[in-house]
C-alpha atoms as a PDB file:
ATOM      1  CA  MET A   1      15.099  25.820 -14.549  1.00  0.00           C
ATOM      2  CA  ALA A   2      14.543  22.108 -15.074  1.00  0.00           C
ATOM      3  CA  LYS A   3      12.616  20.091 -12.503  1.00  0.00           C
ATOM      4  CA  SER A   4      15.666  17.999 -11.667  1.00  0.00           C
ATOM      5  CA  THR A   5      17.990  20.962 -11.032  1.00  0.00           C
ATOM      6  CA  PRO A   6      17.117  21.405  -7.316  1.00  0.00           C
ATOM      7  CA  VAL A   7      17.636  17.674  -6.775  1.00  0.00           C
ATOM      8  CA  VAL A   8      21.055  17.817  -8.439  1.00  0.00           C
ATOM      9  CA  VAL A   9      22.099  20.890  -6.444  1.00  0.00           C
ATOM     10  CA  GLY A  10      20.934  19.256  -3.205  1.00  0.00           C
ATOM     11  CA  GLY A  11      22.797  16.062  -4.044  1.00  0.00           C
ATOM     12  CA  ILE A  12      25.994  17.983  -4.681  1.00  0.00           C
ATOM     13  CA  ALA A  13      25.609  19.869  -1.410  1.00  0.00           C
ATOM     14  CA  VAL A  14      25.034  16.680   0.575  1.00  0.00           C
ATOM     15  CA  GLY A  15      27.963  15.036  -1.194  1.00  0.00           C
ATOM     16  CA  LEU A  16      30.307  17.888  -0.335  1.00  0.00           C
ATOM     17  CA  ILE A  17      29.226  17.897   3.311  1.00  0.00           C
ATOM     18  CA  LEU A  18      29.697  14.142   3.593  1.00  0.00           C
ATOM     19  CA  PHE A  19      33.044  14.395   1.823  1.00  0.00           C
ATOM     20  CA  LEU A  20      34.218  16.858   4.460  1.00  0.00           C
ATOM     21  CA  LEU A  21      32.914  14.784   7.380  1.00  0.00           C
ATOM     22  CA  LEU A  22      33.856  11.239   6.374  1.00  0.00           C
ATOM     23  CA  PRO A  23      37.206   9.618   7.142  1.00  0.00           C
ATOM     24  CA  THR A  24      39.611   9.042   4.263  1.00  0.00           C
ATOM     25  CA  ALA A  25      38.818   5.360   3.673  1.00  0.00           C
ATOM     26  CA  LEU A  26      35.078   6.024   3.479  1.00  0.00           C
ATOM     27  CA  LYS A  27      35.677   8.896   1.039  1.00  0.00           C
ATOM     28  CA  TRP A  28      37.389   6.527  -1.375  1.00  0.00           C
ATOM     29  CA  ILE A  29      34.664   3.927  -0.989  1.00  0.00           C
ATOM     30  CA  ALA A  30      32.016   6.593  -1.695  1.00  0.00           C
ATOM     31  CA  ILE A  31      33.873   7.864  -4.773  1.00  0.00           C
ATOM     32  CA  ILE A  32      34.277   4.343  -6.144  1.00  0.00           C
ATOM     33  CA  ALA A  33      30.583   3.608  -5.520  1.00  0.00           C
ATOM     34  CA  VAL A  34      29.431   6.813  -7.238  1.00  0.00           C
ATOM     35  CA  ILE A  35      31.474   5.953 -10.314  1.00  0.00           C
ATOM     36  CA  GLY A  36      31.118   2.179 -10.219  1.00  0.00           C
ATOM     37  CA  VAL A  37      27.361   1.764  -9.832  1.00  0.00           C
ATOM     38  CA  PRO A  38      26.391   3.504 -13.113  1.00  0.00           C
ATOM     39  CA  VAL A  39      29.245   1.783 -14.970  1.00  0.00           C
ATOM     40  CA  ALA A  40      28.152  -1.626 -13.664  1.00  0.00           C
ATOM     41  CA  GLY A  41      24.558  -0.851 -14.637  1.00  0.00           C
ATOM     42  CA  TYR A  42      25.620   0.083 -18.169  1.00  0.00           C
ATOM     43  CA  LEU A  43      27.739  -3.047 -18.530  1.00  0.00           C
ATOM     44  CA  MET A  44      24.797  -5.211 -17.453  1.00  0.00           C
ATOM     45  CA  LEU A  45      22.717  -4.051 -20.440  1.00  0.00           C
ATOM     46  CA  ASP A  46      22.300  -6.241 -23.513  1.00  0.00           C
ATOM     47  CA  PRO A  47      23.937  -4.965 -26.718  1.00  0.00           C
ATOM     48  CA  SER A  48      20.496  -4.028 -28.084  1.00  0.00           C
ATOM     49  CA  GLN A  49      19.705  -2.035 -24.932  1.00  0.00           C
ATOM     50  CA  ARG A  50      23.045  -0.216 -25.171  1.00  0.00           C
ATOM     51  CA  ARG A  51      22.263   0.625 -28.807  1.00  0.00           C
ATOM     52  CA  ARG A  52      18.851   2.038 -27.815  1.00  0.00           C
ATOM     53  CA  LEU A  53      20.482   4.103 -25.062  1.00  0.00           C
ATOM     54  CA  ARG A  54      23.052   5.533 -27.502  1.00  0.00           C
ATOM     55  CA  GLU A  55      20.264   6.405 -29.949  1.00  0.00           C
ATOM     56  CA  GLN A  56      18.328   8.225 -27.232  1.00  0.00           C
ATOM     57  CA  ARG A  57      21.400  10.250 -26.288  1.00  0.00           C
ATOM     58  CA  ARG A  58      22.027  11.117 -29.935  1.00  0.00           C
ATOM     59  CA  ARG A  59      18.411  12.250 -30.400  1.00  0.00           C
ATOM     60  CA  ARG A  60      18.583  14.385 -27.265  1.00  0.00           C
ATOM     61  CA  ARG A  61      21.670  16.196 -28.588  1.00  0.00           C
ATOM     62  CA  ILE A  62      20.101  17.041 -31.947  1.00  0.00           C
ATOM     63  CA  GLY A  63      17.298  19.071 -30.352  1.00  0.00           C
ATOM     64  CA  PRO A  64      13.528  19.380 -30.868  1.00  0.00           C
END
């Protein structure tokens, strides 16, 4: 198991609990924030940084 797996599982558990406890308006705000923050971060990168990020993803898919 990867080192980040327990963190991901814990994050999902906390997210589900909060989703059940929060009112409807806050649920939508949370969903938009979870999607919007990474998208905004990606859009703030320079074209050269985006290219480097795509290359890293491509290398990761190919394998060792």
